[in-house]
Amino acid sequence: MLDIKLIRQDATQVNAALARRNDALNINALLELDESRLALLTQEETLRSQRNGLNKQLADLKKAGAAQDAVQAVIDATRDISAQIKTLESQKDALDAQQHAILLALPNLPHPQTPQGKTEADNVELKRWGDEFKTRVPENALPHWDIGTQNGWLDFERGVKVSKSRFTTLRAEGAKLSRVLIQFMLETHLNHGDYEEVAPPFLVNRAAMTGTSQLPKFEADMFATQDDLFLTPTAEVPVTNLYADEILDASQLPLRFVAHTPCFRREAGSAGQDTRGLIRQHQFDKVELVKITTPEQADAEYARLIEDAERILQLLELPYRVVQLCAGDLGFAAARCVDLEVWMPAQGVYREISSCSHFDVFQARRANLKYRPHAEAKAELLHTINGSGLAVGRTLAAILENYQTADGRVAIPAALKPYFKQQTHLTPQQTAAGASATSAITAAAHATAGPAR
């Protein structure tokens, strides 16, 4: 959430920063509301001063043994002022609620390092890694939804049968690969990043969702329960809020967490986008990295978090690129963001597999996350940082596409072979009749199909 004091002090700067986001937003209405609120506050303070004076006058009259009429007149005046104060408090509370609602709806201001731009076409590619691994993929590579279905690892049809569209059932070594990836990611981060592993609740309350900015703006994208709890859209929500409304000691910082959770999103605004395969599901697994730091620690911790997410892709030998998002493509709460995009050869595109975001104090102000620099210091807002390390389903999809072999099989990445007892390739699921689910259809597809561009 933005600081109302900053908005008061430099409205021009704030409006200019919001304009960088390509949003039709300005703070003029908020400033008008704030002026009305401050005017009420001034009136209230004046009346309280008058009431204090009357209370002193009343005490003096009683002490002097003044006539009852004189005492009653002061009592009546005090009651009248108290009634006026109560009315002003009610009006101010209403304005406070309106102001808070507007502040909750305003996005974060882009960091000065965030490049100018309006759409993802203006994002800046920082680097590519692993281009040499692209050559191992045969020309006739199938998209992951085909190779996964034909080998019995992805069952989209039965996922829909027991739920609805955009739910998938992983089967046999598809399910095992997903489980192995979760374990591999967690162990890698714990061994290299000085993280504490957390297993948070999968249901979170409205305050936690508001603290990390999912509410109120994105409520339509969330799955809610009857008792006003939400299925977590990302482990960022419960983990970041572990210390909400607390004041930490500087010696505790930085806090570094890694957590695996299933994630649930309606994807209400993405109709028709990436509907095939595992890219955009209502339920998916993700390993999340979350850091809570002082302002001085934040830049170094952010750089390390990006490196930690990249390490997973490098160990899996999956080609990827690093893209810095422009101001117009930033997420609502982010001041800056770097996306890792994995190469999907059968589709001929890079797909986001991790979004690494630096929120500055935006989430901390909403969640009331503070620390005390030293014992005598005033409490200050913390910085929050997070990123996927990685999205599990998208990593699985990338392996199915990048590790296909010319004979239609899928090799197991070297880093994962210990989890498969040194097995070299994924095993096709066997049907009830004992025949491989990889049939003549697969061979024919590999013989005739080019990359799905």
Protein backbone atom coordinates (compact mmCIF):
# COMPACT_ATOMS: atom_id res chain seq x y z
CA MET A 1 0.00 0.00 0.00
CA LEU A 2 1.23 3.50 -0.79
CA ASP A 3 2.08 5.94 1.97
CA ILE A 4 -0.54 8.68 2.29
CA LYS A 5 2.20 11.01 3.60
CA LEU A 6 4.17 10.55 0.36
CA ILE A 7 1.03 11.24 -1.64
CA ARG A 8 0.40 14.45 0.29
CA GLN A 9 4.00 15.61 -0.03
CA ASP A 10 4.60 14.87 -3.71
CA ALA A 11 1.39 14.20 -5.59
CA THR A 12 3.00 15.09 -8.92
CA GLN A 13 5.70 12.45 -8.49
CA VAL A 14 3.20 9.78 -7.45
CA ASN A 15 0.89 10.54 -10.38
CA ALA A 16 3.84 10.37 -12.77
CA ALA A 17 4.94 7.01 -11.35
CA LEU A 18 1.42 5.58 -11.65
CA ALA A 19 1.28 6.82 -15.25
CA ARG A 20 4.39 4.71 -15.98
CA ARG A 21 2.29 1.66 -15.23
CA ASN A 22 0.03 2.46 -18.17
CA ASP A 23 -2.93 2.66 -15.78
CA ALA A 24 -5.64 5.30 -16.02
CA LEU A 25 -5.11 6.17 -12.38
CA ASN A 26 -4.45 9.36 -10.49
CA ILE A 27 -4.61 10.39 -6.87
CA ASN A 28 -6.58 13.62 -7.22
CA ALA A 29 -9.78 12.12 -5.79
CA LEU A 30 -7.79 10.65 -2.93
CA LEU A 31 -6.26 14.06 -2.18
CA GLU A 32 -9.67 15.74 -2.14
CA LEU A 33 -10.90 13.07 0.27
CA ASP A 34 -7.80 13.54 2.41
CA GLU A 35 -8.33 17.30 2.58
CA SER A 36 -11.91 16.77 3.77
CA ARG A 37 -10.69 14.27 6.36
CA LEU A 38 -8.00 16.66 7.65
CA ALA A 39 -10.57 19.50 7.85
CA LEU A 40 -12.80 17.29 10.02
CA LEU A 41 -9.81 16.37 12.15
CA THR A 42 -9.02 20.06 12.69
CA GLN A 43 -12.61 20.77 13.71
CA GLU A 44 -12.57 17.81 16.06
CA GLU A 45 -9.33 18.94 17.72
CA THR A 46 -10.76 22.46 18.16
CA LEU A 47 -13.89 21.10 19.80
CA ARG A 48 -11.87 18.81 22.08
CA SER A 49 -9.85 21.82 23.19
CA GLN A 50 -13.06 23.72 23.90
CA ARG A 51 -14.45 20.78 25.86
CA ASN A 52 -11.29 20.56 27.91
CA GLY A 53 -11.67 24.24 28.73
CA LEU A 54 -15.30 23.72 29.77
CA ASN A 55 -14.35 20.76 31.96
CA LYS A 56 -11.82 22.94 33.76
CA GLN A 57 -14.41 25.73 34.07
CA LEU A 58 -16.92 23.25 35.49
CA ALA A 59 -14.43 22.05 38.10
CA ASP A 60 -13.70 25.66 39.10
CA LEU A 61 -17.42 26.49 39.39
CA LYS A 62 -18.10 23.49 41.59
CA LYS A 63 -15.09 24.28 43.75
CA ALA A 64 -16.30 27.87 44.18
CA GLY A 65 -19.82 26.73 45.06
CA ALA A 66 -21.38 28.47 42.05
CA ALA A 67 -25.14 28.56 41.48
CA GLN A 68 -26.68 25.40 40.01
CA ASP A 69 -27.89 27.30 36.93
CA ALA A 70 -24.32 28.34 36.09
CA VAL A 71 -23.02 24.80 36.62
CA GLN A 72 -25.83 23.32 34.47
CA ALA A 73 -25.14 25.75 31.65
CA VAL A 74 -21.52 24.54 31.44
CA ILE A 75 -22.66 20.90 31.65
CA ASP A 76 -25.11 21.47 28.76
CA ALA A 77 -22.42 23.20 26.68
CA THR A 78 -20.03 20.29 27.32
CA ARG A 79 -22.67 17.76 26.26
CA ASP A 80 -23.40 19.74 23.10
CA ILE A 81 -19.73 19.80 22.15
CA SER A 82 -19.42 16.06 22.90
CA ALA A 83 -22.33 15.39 20.55
CA GLN A 84 -20.63 17.47 17.83
CA ILE A 85 -17.38 15.55 18.35
CA LYS A 86 -19.24 12.25 18.04
CA THR A 87 -20.79 13.39 14.75
CA LEU A 88 -17.40 14.48 13.42
CA GLU A 89 -15.83 11.15 14.48
CA SER A 90 -18.51 9.27 12.56
CA GLN A 91 -17.93 11.42 9.47
CA LYS A 92 -14.16 11.00 9.78
CA ASP A 93 -14.48 7.21 10.17
CA ALA A 94 -16.49 7.09 6.95
CA LEU A 95 -13.83 9.12 5.13
CA ASP A 96 -11.10 6.92 6.64
CA ALA A 97 -12.82 3.84 5.23
CA GLN A 98 -13.13 5.46 1.79
CA GLN A 99 -9.50 6.55 1.86
CA HIS A 100 -8.32 3.10 2.92
CA ALA A 101 -10.34 1.48 0.12
CA ILE A 102 -8.76 3.78 -2.47
CA LEU A 103 -5.27 3.12 -1.11
CA LEU A 104 -5.84 -0.64 -1.28
CA ALA A 105 -6.80 -0.26 -4.94
CA LEU A 106 -3.67 1.67 -5.92
CA PRO A 107 -0.74 -0.42 -7.28
CA ASN A 108 2.85 -0.09 -6.18
CA LEU A 109 5.07 2.56 -7.74
CA PRO A 110 7.64 1.22 -10.23
CA HIS A 111 11.23 1.24 -9.00
CA PRO A 112 13.48 3.73 -10.82
CA GLN A 113 15.40 0.76 -12.29
CA THR A 114 12.22 -0.65 -13.85
CA PRO A 115 12.38 0.10 -17.60
CA GLN A 116 9.81 2.23 -19.34
CA GLY A 117 7.22 0.41 -21.42
CA LYS A 118 3.55 -0.38 -21.86
CA THR A 119 3.27 -4.11 -22.61
CA GLU A 120 5.32 -7.31 -22.44
CA ALA A 121 6.72 -6.40 -25.85
CA ASP A 122 8.68 -3.66 -24.05
CA ASN A 123 10.25 -6.01 -21.51
CA VAL A 124 14.05 -6.16 -21.55
CA GLU A 125 15.87 -9.45 -22.09
CA LEU A 126 18.87 -9.52 -19.75
CA LYS A 127 20.44 -12.82 -20.72
CA ARG A 128 19.96 -16.31 -22.15
CA TRP A 129 21.33 -19.53 -20.76
CA GLY A 130 21.64 -23.05 -22.16
CA ASP A 131 21.22 -22.49 -25.90
CA GLU A 132 23.59 -25.41 -26.48
CA PHE A 133 20.99 -27.76 -25.01
CA LYS A 134 18.44 -26.81 -27.66
CA THR A 135 20.25 -28.96 -30.21
CA ARG A 136 19.45 -32.21 -28.38
CA VAL A 137 15.72 -31.84 -29.14
CA PRO A 138 14.61 -33.62 -32.34
CA GLU A 139 12.88 -31.65 -35.05
CA ASN A 140 9.70 -33.66 -34.59
CA ALA A 141 9.33 -32.95 -30.86
CA LEU A 142 5.75 -33.08 -29.64
CA PRO A 143 4.17 -30.54 -27.27
CA HIS A 144 4.06 -31.77 -23.70
CA TRP A 145 0.30 -32.33 -23.73
CA ASP A 146 0.67 -34.85 -26.59
CA ILE A 147 3.77 -36.70 -25.40
CA GLY A 148 2.39 -36.76 -21.85
CA THR A 149 -1.03 -38.04 -22.87
CA GLN A 150 0.25 -40.67 -25.27
CA ASN A 151 2.58 -42.10 -22.64
CA GLY A 152 -0.08 -42.14 -19.94
CA TRP A 153 1.57 -39.51 -17.73
CA LEU A 154 -1.01 -36.71 -18.19
CA ASP A 155 -4.73 -37.48 -18.01
CA PHE A 156 -6.58 -34.31 -18.90
CA GLU A 157 -9.87 -36.09 -19.64
CA ARG A 158 -10.20 -37.69 -16.22
CA GLY A 159 -9.03 -34.53 -14.50
CA VAL A 160 -12.02 -32.76 -16.04
CA LYS A 161 -14.29 -35.71 -15.24
CA VAL A 162 -13.70 -35.46 -11.48
CA SER A 163 -13.45 -31.66 -11.40
CA LYS A 164 -13.80 -29.28 -14.36
CA SER A 165 -11.74 -27.79 -17.16
CA ARG A 166 -8.13 -26.81 -16.39
CA PHE A 167 -7.68 -29.57 -13.84
CA THR A 168 -5.34 -32.44 -14.69
CA THR A 169 -4.58 -35.85 -13.24
CA LEU A 170 -0.89 -36.84 -13.24
CA ARG A 171 -0.38 -40.58 -13.53
CA ALA A 172 2.38 -43.15 -13.15
CA GLU A 173 5.78 -41.59 -13.78
CA GLY A 174 4.11 -38.25 -14.55
CA ALA A 175 2.97 -38.15 -10.92
CA LYS A 176 6.36 -39.40 -9.76
CA LEU A 177 8.21 -36.78 -11.81
CA SER A 178 6.10 -34.04 -10.21
CA ARG A 179 6.85 -35.39 -6.71
CA VAL A 180 10.54 -35.75 -7.50
CA LEU A 181 10.73 -32.19 -8.83
CA ILE A 182 9.22 -30.83 -5.61
CA GLN A 183 11.74 -32.75 -3.51
CA PHE A 184 14.64 -31.79 -5.79
CA MET A 185 13.72 -28.09 -5.67
CA LEU A 186 13.29 -28.03 -1.90
CA GLU A 187 16.57 -29.88 -1.27
CA THR A 188 18.49 -27.68 -3.70
CA HIS A 189 17.28 -24.46 -2.07
CA LEU A 190 17.90 -25.77 1.43
CA ASN A 191 21.45 -26.79 0.48
CA HIS A 192 22.38 -23.55 -1.29
CA GLY A 193 20.23 -20.68 -0.10
CA ASP A 194 20.18 -20.74 3.72
CA TYR A 195 16.40 -21.07 3.65
CA GLU A 196 14.07 -22.33 6.37
CA GLU A 197 11.54 -24.82 5.03
CA VAL A 198 7.93 -23.98 5.88
CA ALA A 199 4.79 -26.07 5.43
CA PRO A 200 2.04 -23.43 5.78
CA PRO A 201 -1.75 -23.83 5.79
CA PHE A 202 -3.37 -24.15 2.37
CA LEU A 203 -6.34 -22.06 3.52
CA VAL A 204 -5.71 -18.42 4.38
CA ASN A 205 -7.88 -15.66 5.81
CA ARG A 206 -8.93 -12.37 4.28
CA ALA A 207 -6.37 -10.37 6.25
CA ALA A 208 -3.50 -12.47 4.88
CA MET A 209 -4.81 -12.16 1.32
CA THR A 210 -5.08 -8.39 1.74
CA GLY A 211 -1.62 -8.18 3.27
CA THR A 212 0.04 -9.58 0.14
CA SER A 213 -2.26 -7.65 -2.23
CA GLN A 214 -4.41 -10.47 -3.66
CA LEU A 215 -7.42 -8.69 -2.13
CA PRO A 216 -9.40 -6.72 -2.88
CA LYS A 217 -8.30 -6.36 -6.53
CA PHE A 218 -8.05 -10.04 -7.49
CA GLU A 219 -10.86 -11.57 -5.46
CA ALA A 220 -12.56 -12.85 -8.63
CA ASP A 221 -9.46 -14.97 -9.33
CA MET A 222 -9.57 -16.72 -5.95
CA PHE A 223 -11.34 -19.85 -4.71
CA ALA A 224 -13.17 -18.95 -1.50
CA THR A 225 -14.85 -21.10 1.15
CA GLN A 226 -18.10 -20.44 3.00
CA ASP A 227 -16.25 -19.36 6.15
CA ASP A 228 -14.37 -16.56 4.34
CA LEU A 229 -11.15 -18.51 3.90
CA PHE A 230 -9.36 -18.76 0.56
CA LEU A 231 -7.46 -21.60 -1.05
CA THR A 232 -3.94 -20.23 -1.23
CA PRO A 233 -3.06 -18.89 -4.70
CA THR A 234 0.66 -19.08 -3.81
CA ALA A 235 2.74 -19.85 -0.72
CA GLU A 236 3.70 -16.17 -0.78
CA VAL A 237 0.44 -15.42 1.03
CA PRO A 238 0.77 -17.53 4.21
CA VAL A 239 4.56 -17.30 4.41
CA THR A 240 4.84 -13.50 4.03
CA ASN A 241 2.10 -13.06 6.64
CA LEU A 242 3.76 -15.26 9.27
CA TYR A 243 5.06 -12.10 10.93
CA ALA A 244 2.18 -9.73 10.15
CA ASP A 245 1.46 -7.22 12.93
CA GLU A 246 4.80 -8.01 14.59
CA ILE A 247 7.94 -5.98 15.20
CA LEU A 248 11.09 -7.99 14.51
CA ASP A 249 14.55 -7.36 15.86
CA ALA A 250 17.20 -6.43 13.30
CA SER A 251 19.32 -9.38 14.44
CA GLN A 252 16.63 -11.78 13.14
CA LEU A 253 16.94 -10.48 9.58
CA PRO A 254 16.94 -11.38 6.80
CA LEU A 255 14.33 -14.14 7.02
CA ARG A 256 14.54 -16.61 4.12
CA PHE A 257 11.81 -19.20 3.56
CA VAL A 258 11.14 -21.95 1.04
CA ALA A 259 7.75 -23.64 0.87
CA HIS A 260 5.92 -26.07 -1.36
CA THR A 261 2.15 -25.74 -1.66
CA PRO A 262 -0.53 -26.56 -4.16
CA CYS A 263 -1.84 -23.28 -5.59
CA PHE A 264 -5.38 -22.49 -6.67
CA ARG A 265 -6.48 -19.74 -9.06
CA ARG A 266 -9.63 -19.23 -11.07
CA GLU A 267 -7.68 -17.41 -13.82
CA ALA A 268 -10.84 -15.38 -14.34
CA GLY A 269 -9.15 -12.90 -16.65
CA SER A 270 -7.39 -15.46 -18.86
CA ALA A 271 -10.19 -17.00 -20.91
CA GLY A 272 -8.79 -18.58 -24.06
CA GLN A 273 -5.13 -18.20 -23.00
CA ASP A 274 -2.90 -21.27 -22.81
CA THR A 275 -5.84 -23.60 -22.36
CA ARG A 276 -3.89 -26.65 -23.59
CA GLY A 277 -1.47 -28.47 -21.36
CA LEU A 278 -0.07 -27.55 -17.96
CA ILE A 279 0.74 -23.87 -18.47
CA ARG A 280 -2.40 -22.30 -17.01
CA GLN A 281 -4.21 -24.58 -14.59
CA HIS A 282 -6.67 -23.89 -11.77
CA GLN A 283 -4.57 -26.11 -9.48
CA PHE A 284 -0.80 -26.43 -9.68
CA ASP A 285 2.18 -27.10 -7.43
CA LYS A 286 4.83 -24.50 -6.79
CA VAL A 287 7.96 -24.17 -4.67
CA GLU A 288 8.09 -20.58 -3.45
CA LEU A 289 10.99 -18.51 -2.15
CA VAL A 290 10.09 -15.68 0.26
CA LYS A 291 12.41 -13.18 1.92
CA ILE A 292 11.72 -10.54 4.57
CA THR A 293 14.58 -8.07 4.88
CA THR A 294 15.71 -4.65 5.98
CA PRO A 295 15.91 -1.99 3.25
CA GLU A 296 19.71 -2.24 3.33
CA GLN A 297 19.69 -6.01 2.77
CA ALA A 298 16.99 -6.06 0.12
CA ASP A 299 18.94 -5.55 -3.12
CA ALA A 300 21.53 -8.23 -2.36
CA GLU A 301 18.85 -10.68 -1.19
CA TYR A 302 16.80 -10.02 -4.33
CA ALA A 303 19.79 -10.77 -6.58
CA ARG A 304 20.46 -13.99 -4.64
CA LEU A 305 16.83 -15.10 -4.92
CA ILE A 306 16.96 -14.76 -8.72
CA GLU A 307 20.19 -16.77 -8.78
CA ASP A 308 18.58 -19.46 -6.60
CA ALA A 309 15.65 -19.80 -9.01
CA GLU A 310 18.04 -19.92 -11.98
CA ARG A 311 20.06 -22.69 -10.30
CA ILE A 312 17.15 -25.12 -10.64
CA LEU A 313 16.94 -24.56 -14.39
CA GLN A 314 20.70 -24.85 -14.76
CA LEU A 315 20.89 -28.12 -12.82
CA LEU A 316 18.07 -29.50 -14.98
CA GLU A 317 19.88 -28.19 -18.09
CA LEU A 318 16.74 -26.43 -19.33
CA PRO A 319 17.41 -23.46 -21.64
CA TYR A 320 15.93 -20.22 -20.35
CA ARG A 321 16.11 -16.48 -20.56
CA VAL A 322 15.93 -13.72 -17.94
CA VAL A 323 13.57 -10.84 -18.68
CA GLN A 324 13.15 -7.61 -16.74
CA LEU A 325 9.54 -6.46 -16.81
CA CYS A 326 8.76 -2.94 -17.92
CA ALA A 327 6.58 -0.63 -15.83
CA GLY A 328 3.46 -1.34 -17.87
CA ASP A 329 3.78 -5.11 -17.42
CA LEU A 330 4.49 -5.14 -13.67
CA GLY A 331 2.28 -7.07 -11.31
CA PHE A 332 0.03 -5.00 -9.06
CA ALA A 333 2.22 -5.16 -5.94
CA ALA A 334 5.70 -5.27 -7.49
CA ALA A 335 8.09 -2.35 -7.66
CA ARG A 336 10.33 -4.40 -9.96
CA CYS A 337 10.18 -7.89 -11.37
CA VAL A 338 12.40 -10.30 -13.27
CA ASP A 339 10.84 -13.28 -15.04
CA LEU A 340 12.65 -16.52 -15.84
CA GLU A 341 11.24 -17.99 -19.04
CA VAL A 342 11.98 -21.61 -19.97
CA TRP A 343 12.36 -22.73 -23.57
CA MET A 344 9.50 -24.91 -24.87
CA PRO A 345 10.90 -26.37 -28.12
CA ALA A 346 7.76 -28.03 -29.44
CA GLN A 347 5.96 -24.69 -29.20
CA GLY A 348 8.95 -22.60 -30.26
CA VAL A 349 8.49 -20.09 -27.41
CA TYR A 350 9.83 -19.15 -24.00
CA ARG A 351 7.28 -19.53 -21.17
CA GLU A 352 7.38 -17.89 -17.77
CA ILE A 353 8.41 -20.39 -15.10
CA SER A 354 9.31 -17.98 -12.29
CA SER A 355 8.42 -14.40 -11.45
CA CYS A 356 10.88 -12.85 -8.99
CA SER A 357 9.39 -9.72 -7.46
CA HIS A 358 10.69 -7.00 -5.16
CA PHE A 359 7.85 -5.21 -3.35
CA ASP A 360 9.81 -2.62 -1.38
CA VAL A 361 7.56 -1.67 1.61
CA PHE A 362 4.28 -2.08 -0.31
CA GLN A 363 3.24 -5.43 1.21
CA ALA A 364 4.82 -4.64 4.57
CA ARG A 365 2.63 -1.54 4.99
CA ARG A 366 -0.51 -3.59 4.22
CA ALA A 367 0.50 -6.49 6.50
CA ASN A 368 2.05 -4.24 9.20
CA LEU A 369 5.44 -5.97 8.93
CA LYS A 370 8.03 -4.00 10.89
CA TYR A 371 11.43 -4.23 12.54
CA ARG A 372 13.38 -2.19 15.04
CA PRO A 373 16.90 -1.26 13.80
CA HIS A 374 18.12 -1.08 17.41
CA ALA A 375 16.61 -1.17 20.89
CA GLU A 376 15.87 2.56 21.13
CA ALA A 377 14.80 3.02 17.49
CA LYS A 378 11.35 3.60 16.13
CA ALA A 379 9.84 0.60 14.31
CA GLU A 380 10.26 0.76 10.53
CA LEU A 381 8.69 -1.11 7.61
CA LEU A 382 10.43 -4.15 6.20
CA HIS A 383 10.98 -5.08 2.55
CA THR A 384 9.45 -8.26 1.07
CA ILE A 385 10.74 -10.30 -1.87
CA ASN A 386 9.53 -13.52 -3.45
CA GLY A 387 9.81 -15.73 -6.50
CA SER A 388 8.94 -19.19 -7.74
CA GLY A 389 11.68 -21.70 -7.36
CA LEU A 390 10.00 -23.10 -9.51
CA ALA A 391 6.48 -23.68 -10.83
CA VAL A 392 6.40 -27.49 -10.77
CA GLY A 393 3.89 -28.21 -13.54
CA ARG A 394 5.65 -25.89 -15.98
CA THR A 395 8.99 -27.49 -15.12
CA LEU A 396 7.50 -30.92 -15.78
CA ALA A 397 6.13 -29.68 -19.12
CA ALA A 398 9.54 -28.23 -20.03
CA ILE A 399 11.23 -31.57 -19.28
CA LEU A 400 8.73 -33.48 -21.44
CA GLU A 401 9.46 -31.15 -24.36
CA ASN A 402 13.22 -30.61 -23.90
CA TYR A 403 14.16 -34.21 -23.11
CA GLN A 404 12.37 -35.97 -25.96
CA THR A 405 14.52 -38.31 -27.99
CA ALA A 406 14.37 -39.16 -31.66
CA ASP A 407 12.67 -42.49 -30.91
CA GLY A 408 9.80 -40.77 -29.08
CA ARG A 409 10.94 -41.43 -25.53
CA VAL A 410 11.66 -38.87 -22.77
CA ALA A 411 15.06 -38.93 -21.08
CA ILE A 412 15.43 -38.19 -17.38
CA PRO A 413 17.63 -35.17 -16.54
CA ALA A 414 20.92 -36.21 -14.95
CA ALA A 415 20.12 -34.23 -11.77
CA LEU A 416 16.95 -36.31 -11.25
CA LYS A 417 18.34 -39.78 -12.01
CA PRO A 418 19.19 -40.50 -8.34
CA TYR A 419 15.48 -40.19 -7.56
CA PHE A 420 14.72 -42.74 -10.31
CA LYS A 421 17.39 -45.29 -9.24
CA GLN A 422 19.55 -44.15 -12.18
CA GLN A 423 16.78 -44.94 -14.68
CA THR A 424 17.61 -43.23 -18.00
CA HIS A 425 14.14 -42.66 -19.46
CA LEU A 426 10.61 -42.22 -18.18
CA THR A 427 8.59 -45.41 -18.44
CA PRO A 428 5.38 -45.28 -20.48
CA GLN A 429 2.28 -46.18 -18.50
CA GLN A 430 0.98 -49.69 -19.14
CA THR A 431 -2.67 -50.25 -20.00
CA ALA A 432 -4.80 -52.90 -18.29
CA ALA A 433 -4.08 -55.18 -21.23
CA GLY A 434 -0.36 -54.77 -20.64
CA ALA A 435 0.39 -52.81 -23.79
CA SER A 436 2.33 -49.54 -23.68
CA ALA A 437 0.21 -46.41 -23.90
CA THR A 438 2.75 -45.20 -26.44
CA SER A 439 1.21 -46.64 -29.54
CA ALA A 440 1.52 -46.45 -33.27
CA ILE A 441 -0.13 -43.05 -32.98
CA THR A 442 3.01 -41.74 -31.29
CA ALA A 443 5.25 -43.18 -33.97
CA ALA A 444 3.08 -41.71 -36.71
CA ALA A 445 3.01 -38.30 -35.01
CA HIS A 446 6.78 -38.30 -34.68
CA ALA A 447 7.15 -39.29 -38.31
CA THR A 448 4.96 -36.51 -39.64
CA ALA A 449 4.65 -33.72 -37.11
CA GLY A 450 6.91 -30.72 -36.95
CA PRO A 451 7.20 -28.43 -33.97
CA ALA A 452 3.86 -26.91 -32.86
CA ARG A 453 4.70 -23.27 -33.41
